[in-house]
């Protein structure tokens, strides 16, 4: 279940060898370790990070998380579409 396919403006691509979607050439969501990863800011970032099991995205697993990116577990998949829309707005400048 990769929510990017629902977004008409999104373009399928790769990020760190994993599937992602981009808008205006910039990644805003990715699928990593059976979880969705979203580039977020402000309240949406804070709310996503507050979900049980959510964490900052650290693709190298070396303690160097990407501060704007939040990895959200499958158990919260009901929020994935909403978070994808927010990430697309943030990256797309809308």
Protein backbone atom coordinates (compact mmCIF):
# COMPACT_ATOMS: atom_id res chain seq x y z
CA UNK A 1 0.00 0.00 0.00
CA UNK A 2 2.00 2.94 -1.29
CA UNK A 3 -0.06 6.10 -1.00
CA UNK A 4 1.82 8.06 -3.67
CA UNK A 5 -0.13 6.32 -6.41
CA UNK A 6 -3.22 8.23 -5.22
CA UNK A 7 -1.65 11.63 -5.91
CA UNK A 8 -2.03 12.80 -9.52
CA UNK A 9 0.77 15.38 -9.39
CA UNK A 10 3.29 12.95 -7.90
CA UNK A 11 6.01 11.31 -9.99
CA UNK A 12 7.32 7.85 -9.04
CA UNK A 13 11.06 7.73 -8.44
CA UNK A 14 13.75 6.30 -6.13
CA UNK A 15 15.36 7.59 -2.93
CA UNK A 16 18.13 5.60 -1.22
CA UNK A 17 17.22 2.74 -3.55
CA UNK A 18 13.64 2.68 -2.24
CA UNK A 19 10.45 3.74 -3.99
CA UNK A 20 9.42 7.34 -3.47
CA UNK A 21 7.27 10.02 -5.01
CA UNK A 22 8.41 13.49 -5.99
CA UNK A 23 6.82 16.79 -6.84
CA UNK A 24 8.78 19.44 -8.75
CA UNK A 25 11.75 17.05 -8.66
CA UNK A 26 11.81 16.86 -4.85
CA UNK A 27 10.97 13.76 -2.81
CA UNK A 28 8.17 14.11 -0.29
CA UNK A 29 7.24 10.49 0.58
CA UNK A 30 9.00 7.15 0.49
CA UNK A 31 8.39 3.55 1.44
CA UNK A 32 11.09 2.13 3.73
CA UNK A 33 11.13 -1.05 5.86
CA UNK A 34 7.39 -1.60 5.28
CA UNK A 35 6.61 1.86 6.64
CA UNK A 36 5.90 5.22 5.04
CA UNK A 37 8.27 8.14 5.39
CA UNK A 38 7.03 11.72 5.00
CA UNK A 39 8.84 15.05 4.69
CA UNK A 40 6.90 17.31 7.04
CA UNK A 41 7.11 20.58 8.94
CA UNK A 42 5.37 22.45 11.74
CA UNK A 43 2.41 20.97 13.58
CA UNK A 44 2.01 18.13 11.09
CA UNK A 45 5.61 17.04 11.74
CA UNK A 46 5.04 17.19 15.50
CA UNK A 47 1.75 15.25 15.31
CA UNK A 48 3.21 12.55 13.06
CA UNK A 49 6.21 12.12 15.34
CA UNK A 50 3.86 11.76 18.33
CA UNK A 51 2.26 8.63 16.82
CA UNK A 52 3.25 5.47 18.70
CA UNK A 53 6.32 3.96 17.02
CA UNK A 54 6.94 6.93 14.70
CA UNK A 55 10.48 8.25 14.58
CA UNK A 56 12.79 10.49 12.63
CA UNK A 57 13.93 8.78 9.43
CA UNK A 58 17.49 7.44 9.71
CA UNK A 59 18.10 5.47 6.49
CA UNK A 60 21.72 4.71 7.43
CA UNK A 61 20.74 3.55 10.94
CA UNK A 62 23.87 5.31 12.22
CA UNK A 63 22.26 7.91 14.47
CA UNK A 64 22.02 10.56 11.76
CA UNK A 65 18.29 11.12 11.32
CA UNK A 66 16.87 13.40 8.67
CA UNK A 67 15.13 16.03 10.79
CA UNK A 68 12.23 16.85 8.47
CA UNK A 69 11.44 13.22 7.64
CA UNK A 70 9.14 11.13 9.86
CA UNK A 71 8.89 7.34 9.51
CA UNK A 72 5.34 6.19 10.36
CA UNK A 73 4.60 2.51 11.12
CA UNK A 74 2.02 0.46 9.21
CA UNK A 75 -0.26 0.36 12.26
CA UNK A 76 -0.98 4.04 11.55
CA UNK A 77 -1.75 3.52 7.85
CA UNK A 78 -5.09 5.32 8.29
CA UNK A 79 -3.06 8.57 8.50
CA UNK A 80 -0.77 7.87 5.54
CA UNK A 81 -2.91 9.54 2.85
CA UNK A 82 -3.40 12.68 4.93
CA UNK A 83 0.31 12.84 5.76
CA UNK A 84 1.20 12.32 2.10
CA UNK A 85 -0.99 15.29 1.13
CA UNK A 86 0.63 17.46 3.80
CA UNK A 87 4.11 16.38 2.68
CA UNK A 88 3.27 17.15 -0.94
CA UNK A 89 2.00 20.62 0.03
CA UNK A 90 5.12 21.29 2.08
CA UNK A 91 7.60 20.21 -0.59
CA UNK A 92 5.55 21.63 -3.45
CA UNK A 93 5.36 25.03 -1.79
CA UNK A 94 1.57 25.14 -1.60
